[in-house]
Amino acid sequence: MNEQDNNGSKTEGKDETSARFGEAKDDANAIPVDAVAEAKAEADKWKSEYLYLRAEFENFKKQVIKERSDLRKYGSERLVADLLGVVDIFETALATEMTAENSVNFRKGIEMTATELKNVLSRHGVTEIASHGQPFDPAHHEALSSEESAEMAPGTVTRVFKKPYRLHDRVVRPGQVVVAKQKS
């Protein structure tokens, strides 16, 4: 298949060779068609994997949002179940008719119920912060007033109206207290 071009030089089936290697007729440095197709397939593979991972991540985000919402909604379920036992005790006490003969036992029952309520709170990480006779701490106390005191040092809590409570390591309710000041 020797052909002569217009200049008289021989070319050996240049069109066949170009077609066989996927080269353009005018471009001597053209990339073979197989390499382009391979690169396109590789790019399609990465794009598909990216889209899959993106969809997976979107599903993960939705799942986390739902779990967080459920945690807020039902997170106190165990505490509520435990408190319902205390409510049952109160309802039983309220259904009991109060008489002079059972007043001592009624009081004892209320004390036991209060103890049970404190135990439930304790099991769930709620603890009372000691206040009476302790130095005033603005992180734990809210001073309602101050009063002169000869028996307590200035800045000491003399009376507690509402006890302070902590949930694990966070104060959930500061105590309302009266603080001692120096006698004039």
C-alpha atoms as a PDB file:
ATOM      1  CA  MET A   1       0.000   0.000   0.000  1.00  0.00           C
ATOM      2  CA  ASN A   2       2.518   2.485  -0.948  1.00  0.00           C
ATOM      3  CA  GLU A   3       1.017   5.676  -2.155  1.00  0.00           C
ATOM      4  CA  GLN A   4       2.576   8.839  -3.337  1.00  0.00           C
ATOM      5  CA  ASP A   5       1.353  12.181  -2.155  1.00  0.00           C
ATOM      6  CA  ASN A   6       1.379  15.349  -4.204  1.00  0.00           C
ATOM      7  CA  ASN A   7       5.036  16.013  -3.334  1.00  0.00           C
ATOM      8  CA  GLY A   8       6.046  12.656  -4.611  1.00  0.00           C
ATOM      9  CA  SER A   9       7.061  11.190  -1.282  1.00  0.00           C
ATOM     10  CA  LYS A  10       5.798   7.816  -0.267  1.00  0.00           C
ATOM     11  CA  THR A  11       3.341   7.352   2.607  1.00  0.00           C
ATOM     12  CA  GLU A  12       2.464   3.957   3.894  1.00  0.00           C
ATOM     13  CA  GLY A  13      -1.222   3.821   4.668  1.00  0.00           C
ATOM     14  CA  LYS A  14      -1.146   6.796   7.011  1.00  0.00           C
ATOM     15  CA  ASP A  15      -4.929   6.894   7.156  1.00  0.00           C
ATOM     16  CA  GLU A  16      -5.096   3.279   8.270  1.00  0.00           C
ATOM     17  CA  THR A  17      -2.461   3.773  10.965  1.00  0.00           C
ATOM     18  CA  SER A  18      -4.157   6.956  12.226  1.00  0.00           C
ATOM     19  CA  ALA A  19      -7.504   5.255  12.405  1.00  0.00           C
ATOM     20  CA  ARG A  20      -6.035   2.241  14.114  1.00  0.00           C
ATOM     21  CA  PHE A  21      -4.463   4.360  16.912  1.00  0.00           C
ATOM     22  CA  GLY A  22      -7.362   6.791  17.112  1.00  0.00           C
ATOM     23  CA  GLU A  23      -5.241   9.716  16.036  1.00  0.00           C
ATOM     24  CA  ALA A  24      -6.514  12.678  14.221  1.00  0.00           C
ATOM     25  CA  LYS A  25      -5.083  13.042  10.764  1.00  0.00           C
ATOM     26  CA  ASP A  26      -3.647  16.480  11.446  1.00  0.00           C
ATOM     27  CA  ASP A  27      -2.406  15.946  15.018  1.00  0.00           C
ATOM     28  CA  ALA A  28       0.710  13.826  15.419  1.00  0.00           C
ATOM     29  CA  ASN A  29       0.600  14.014  19.290  1.00  0.00           C
ATOM     30  CA  ALA A  30      -3.033  12.941  19.748  1.00  0.00           C
ATOM     31  CA  ILE A  31      -3.963  10.704  22.701  1.00  0.00           C
ATOM     32  CA  PRO A  32      -5.223   7.258  21.720  1.00  0.00           C
ATOM     33  CA  VAL A  33      -9.003   6.825  21.894  1.00  0.00           C
ATOM     34  CA  ASP A  34      -8.595   3.922  24.329  1.00  0.00           C
ATOM     35  CA  ALA A  35      -6.828   6.210  26.876  1.00  0.00           C
ATOM     36  CA  VAL A  36      -9.573   8.843  26.589  1.00  0.00           C
ATOM     37  CA  ALA A  37     -12.277   6.239  27.061  1.00  0.00           C
ATOM     38  CA  GLU A  38     -10.377   4.774  30.008  1.00  0.00           C
ATOM     39  CA  ALA A  39     -10.007   8.221  31.639  1.00  0.00           C
ATOM     40  CA  LYS A  40     -13.704   8.931  31.046  1.00  0.00           C
ATOM     41  CA  ALA A  41     -14.653   5.599  32.622  1.00  0.00           C
ATOM     42  CA  GLU A  42     -12.400   6.359  35.605  1.00  0.00           C
ATOM     43  CA  ALA A  43     -13.969   9.822  35.990  1.00  0.00           C
ATOM     44  CA  ASP A  44     -17.464   8.301  35.796  1.00  0.00           C
ATOM     45  CA  LYS A  45     -16.490   5.769  38.453  1.00  0.00           C
ATOM     46  CA  TRP A  46     -15.232   8.511  40.828  1.00  0.00           C
ATOM     47  CA  LYS A  47     -18.306  10.655  40.145  1.00  0.00           C
ATOM     48  CA  SER A  48     -20.584   7.719  40.911  1.00  0.00           C
ATOM     49  CA  GLU A  49     -18.686   6.972  44.117  1.00  0.00           C
ATOM     50  CA  TYR A  50     -18.835  10.654  45.121  1.00  0.00           C
ATOM     51  CA  LEU A  51     -22.593  10.792  44.531  1.00  0.00           C
ATOM     52  CA  TYR A  52     -23.066   7.587  46.525  1.00  0.00           C
ATOM     53  CA  LEU A  53     -21.018   8.928  49.455  1.00  0.00           C
ATOM     54  CA  ARG A  54     -22.848  12.242  49.314  1.00  0.00           C
ATOM     55  CA  ALA A  55     -26.209  10.458  49.496  1.00  0.00           C
ATOM     56  CA  GLU A  56     -24.911   8.303  52.370  1.00  0.00           C
ATOM     57  CA  PHE A  57     -23.801  11.418  54.242  1.00  0.00           C
ATOM     58  CA  GLU A  58     -27.178  13.124  53.704  1.00  0.00           C
ATOM     59  CA  ASN A  59     -28.920  10.032  55.081  1.00  0.00           C
ATOM     60  CA  PHE A  60     -26.520  10.010  58.045  1.00  0.00           C
ATOM     61  CA  LYS A  61     -27.287  13.679  58.779  1.00  0.00           C
ATOM     62  CA  LYS A  62     -31.034  12.982  58.692  1.00  0.00           C
ATOM     63  CA  GLN A  63     -30.576  10.006  61.017  1.00  0.00           C
ATOM     64  CA  VAL A  64     -28.527  12.063  63.508  1.00  0.00           C
ATOM     65  CA  ILE A  65     -31.142  14.833  63.471  1.00  0.00           C
ATOM     66  CA  LYS A  66     -33.895  12.266  64.148  1.00  0.00           C
ATOM     67  CA  GLU A  67     -31.878  10.615  66.942  1.00  0.00           C
ATOM     68  CA  ARG A  68     -31.183  13.990  68.539  1.00  0.00           C
ATOM     69  CA  SER A  69     -34.858  14.900  68.314  1.00  0.00           C
ATOM     70  CA  ASP A  70     -35.861  11.560  69.849  1.00  0.00           C
ATOM     71  CA  LEU A  71     -33.293  12.031  72.610  1.00  0.00           C
ATOM     72  CA  ARG A  72     -34.798  15.410  73.482  1.00  0.00           C
ATOM     73  CA  LYS A  73     -38.291  14.015  73.280  1.00  0.00           C
ATOM     74  CA  TYR A  74     -37.754  10.724  75.138  1.00  0.00           C
ATOM     75  CA  GLY A  75     -34.460  11.278  76.969  1.00  0.00           C
ATOM     76  CA  SER A  76     -36.139  11.637  80.342  1.00  0.00           C
ATOM     77  CA  GLU A  77     -38.184   8.450  79.934  1.00  0.00           C
ATOM     78  CA  ARG A  78     -36.342   6.545  82.693  1.00  0.00           C
ATOM     79  CA  LEU A  79     -36.673   9.460  85.114  1.00  0.00           C
ATOM     80  CA  VAL A  80     -40.384   9.787  84.371  1.00  0.00           C
ATOM     81  CA  ALA A  81     -40.932   6.042  84.874  1.00  0.00           C
ATOM     82  CA  ASP A  82     -39.200   6.257  88.268  1.00  0.00           C
ATOM     83  CA  LEU A  83     -41.145   9.378  89.266  1.00  0.00           C
ATOM     84  CA  LEU A  84     -44.440   7.701  88.420  1.00  0.00           C
ATOM     85  CA  GLY A  85     -43.771   5.258  91.259  1.00  0.00           C
ATOM     86  CA  VAL A  86     -43.549   8.201  93.648  1.00  0.00           C
ATOM     87  CA  VAL A  87     -46.741   9.675  92.183  1.00  0.00           C
ATOM     88  CA  ASP A  88     -48.500   6.355  92.856  1.00  0.00           C
ATOM     89  CA  ILE A  89     -47.423   6.555  96.507  1.00  0.00           C
ATOM     90  CA  PHE A  90     -48.777  10.120  96.783  1.00  0.00           C
ATOM     91  CA  GLU A  91     -52.081   9.112  95.203  1.00  0.00           C
ATOM     92  CA  THR A  92     -52.428   6.236  97.662  1.00  0.00           C
ATOM     93  CA  ALA A  93     -51.712   8.622 100.553  1.00  0.00           C
ATOM     94  CA  LEU A  94     -54.269  11.127  99.294  1.00  0.00           C
ATOM     95  CA  ALA A  95     -56.894   8.401  99.001  1.00  0.00           C
ATOM     96  CA  THR A  96     -56.394   7.545 102.677  1.00  0.00           C
ATOM     97  CA  GLU A  97     -58.785   9.322 105.003  1.00  0.00           C
ATOM     98  CA  MET A  98     -56.904  11.430 107.547  1.00  0.00           C
ATOM     99  CA  THR A  99     -57.886  10.762 111.154  1.00  0.00           C
ATOM    100  CA  ALA A 100     -56.321  11.516 114.527  1.00  0.00           C
ATOM    101  CA  GLU A 101     -55.331   7.854 114.904  1.00  0.00           C
ATOM    102  CA  ASN A 102     -53.426   7.618 111.626  1.00  0.00           C
ATOM    103  CA  SER A 103     -51.817  11.094 111.582  1.00  0.00           C
ATOM    104  CA  VAL A 104     -48.497   9.800 112.904  1.00  0.00           C
ATOM    105  CA  ASN A 105     -48.406   7.022 110.310  1.00  0.00           C
ATOM    106  CA  PHE A 106     -49.530   9.468 107.610  1.00  0.00           C
ATOM    107  CA  ARG A 107     -46.626  11.769 108.434  1.00  0.00           C
ATOM    108  CA  LYS A 108     -44.236   8.826 108.455  1.00  0.00           C
ATOM    109  CA  GLY A 109     -45.586   7.804 105.022  1.00  0.00           C
ATOM    110  CA  ILE A 110     -45.009  11.310 103.641  1.00  0.00           C
ATOM    111  CA  GLU A 111     -41.445  11.280 105.006  1.00  0.00           C
ATOM    112  CA  MET A 112     -40.809   7.901 103.376  1.00  0.00           C
ATOM    113  CA  THR A 113     -42.229   9.225 100.096  1.00  0.00           C
ATOM    114  CA  ALA A 114     -39.949  12.281 100.259  1.00  0.00           C
ATOM    115  CA  THR A 115     -37.010   9.934 100.863  1.00  0.00           C
ATOM    116  CA  GLU A 116     -38.035   7.820  97.869  1.00  0.00           C
ATOM    117  CA  LEU A 117     -38.293  10.942  95.701  1.00  0.00           C
ATOM    118  CA  LYS A 118     -34.783  12.025  96.747  1.00  0.00           C
ATOM    119  CA  ASN A 119     -33.499   8.506  95.990  1.00  0.00           C
ATOM    120  CA  VAL A 120     -35.034   8.642  92.494  1.00  0.00           C
ATOM    121  CA  LEU A 121     -33.398  12.009  91.848  1.00  0.00           C
ATOM    122  CA  SER A 122     -30.098  10.718  93.200  1.00  0.00           C
ATOM    123  CA  ARG A 123     -30.204   7.668  90.890  1.00  0.00           C
ATOM    124  CA  HIS A 124     -30.513  10.098  87.997  1.00  0.00           C
ATOM    125  CA  GLY A 125     -27.575  12.267  89.051  1.00  0.00           C
ATOM    126  CA  VAL A 126     -29.419  15.008  90.980  1.00  0.00           C
ATOM    127  CA  THR A 127     -27.779  15.936  94.275  1.00  0.00           C
ATOM    128  CA  GLU A 128     -28.415  18.592  96.882  1.00  0.00           C
ATOM    129  CA  ILE A 129     -25.648  21.154  97.442  1.00  0.00           C
ATOM    130  CA  ALA A 130     -25.000  21.760 101.150  1.00  0.00           C
ATOM    131  CA  SER A 131     -25.631  25.398 101.989  1.00  0.00           C
ATOM    132  CA  HIS A 132     -26.511  26.163 105.611  1.00  0.00           C
ATOM    133  CA  GLY A 133     -23.390  27.300 107.468  1.00  0.00           C
ATOM    134  CA  GLN A 134     -21.335  27.251 104.278  1.00  0.00           C
ATOM    135  CA  PRO A 135     -19.659  30.290 102.688  1.00  0.00           C
ATOM    136  CA  PHE A 136     -21.867  32.081 100.168  1.00  0.00           C
ATOM    137  CA  ASP A 137     -20.981  30.967  96.614  1.00  0.00           C
ATOM    138  CA  PRO A 138     -22.617  32.932  93.775  1.00  0.00           C
ATOM    139  CA  ALA A 139     -22.238  29.892  91.505  1.00  0.00           C
ATOM    140  CA  HIS A 140     -24.532  27.919  93.857  1.00  0.00           C
ATOM    141  CA  HIS A 141     -26.541  30.557  95.715  1.00  0.00           C
ATOM    142  CA  GLU A 142     -28.790  33.504  95.098  1.00  0.00           C
ATOM    143  CA  ALA A 143     -28.728  35.926  98.026  1.00  0.00           C
ATOM    144  CA  LEU A 144     -32.217  37.132  98.878  1.00  0.00           C
ATOM    145  CA  SER A 145     -31.029  39.316 101.755  1.00  0.00           C
ATOM    146  CA  SER A 146     -28.464  39.609 104.487  1.00  0.00           C
ATOM    147  CA  GLU A 147     -28.859  39.654 108.231  1.00  0.00           C
ATOM    148  CA  GLU A 148     -26.631  40.491 111.155  1.00  0.00           C
ATOM    149  CA  SER A 149     -25.345  37.442 112.953  1.00  0.00           C
ATOM    150  CA  ALA A 150     -23.134  37.042 116.004  1.00  0.00           C
ATOM    151  CA  GLU A 151     -22.817  33.280 115.684  1.00  0.00           C
ATOM    152  CA  MET A 152     -21.891  33.050 111.985  1.00  0.00           C
ATOM    153  CA  ALA A 153     -19.023  34.671 110.104  1.00  0.00           C
ATOM    154  CA  PRO A 154     -19.853  37.348 107.557  1.00  0.00           C
ATOM    155  CA  GLY A 155     -20.497  35.869 104.116  1.00  0.00           C
ATOM    156  CA  THR A 156     -21.885  32.615 105.553  1.00  0.00           C
ATOM    157  CA  VAL A 157     -25.313  31.263 104.624  1.00  0.00           C
ATOM    158  CA  THR A 158     -27.579  31.594 107.681  1.00  0.00           C
ATOM    159  CA  ARG A 159     -30.929  30.494 106.219  1.00  0.00           C
ATOM    160  CA  VAL A 160     -31.974  28.552 103.141  1.00  0.00           C
ATOM    161  CA  PHE A 161     -35.348  29.210 101.488  1.00  0.00           C
ATOM    162  CA  LYS A 162     -34.765  26.944  98.478  1.00  0.00           C
ATOM    163  CA  LYS A 163     -32.002  24.347  98.439  1.00  0.00           C
ATOM    164  CA  PRO A 164     -29.580  24.361  95.522  1.00  0.00           C
ATOM    165  CA  TYR A 165     -29.373  21.217  93.342  1.00  0.00           C
ATOM    166  CA  ARG A 166     -26.855  19.926  90.856  1.00  0.00           C
ATOM    167  CA  LEU A 167     -27.355  17.510  87.959  1.00  0.00           C
ATOM    168  CA  HIS A 168     -24.062  15.617  87.671  1.00  0.00           C
ATOM    169  CA  ASP A 169     -21.635  18.569  87.593  1.00  0.00           C
ATOM    170  CA  ARG A 170     -24.003  21.387  86.578  1.00  0.00           C
ATOM    171  CA  VAL A 171     -26.078  23.524  88.942  1.00  0.00           C
ATOM    172  CA  VAL A 172     -29.689  23.168  87.812  1.00  0.00           C
ATOM    173  CA  ARG A 173     -31.180  25.340  90.520  1.00  0.00           C
ATOM    174  CA  PRO A 174     -29.272  27.842  92.643  1.00  0.00           C
ATOM    175  CA  GLY A 175     -30.331  28.036  96.257  1.00  0.00           C
ATOM    176  CA  GLN A 176     -32.166  31.058  97.606  1.00  0.00           C
ATOM    177  CA  VAL A 177     -30.398  32.027 100.819  1.00  0.00           C
ATOM    178  CA  VAL A 178     -29.862  34.690 103.465  1.00  0.00           C
ATOM    179  CA  VAL A 179     -26.250  35.658 104.083  1.00  0.00           C
ATOM    180  CA  ALA A 180     -24.713  36.734 107.393  1.00  0.00           C
ATOM    181  CA  LYS A 181     -23.201  40.187 107.728  1.00  0.00           C
ATOM    182  CA  GLN A 182     -21.170  41.703 110.502  1.00  0.00           C
ATOM    183  CA  LYS A 183     -23.142  43.042 113.454  1.00  0.00           C
ATOM    184  CA  SER A 184     -23.043  46.831 113.648  1.00  0.00           C
END
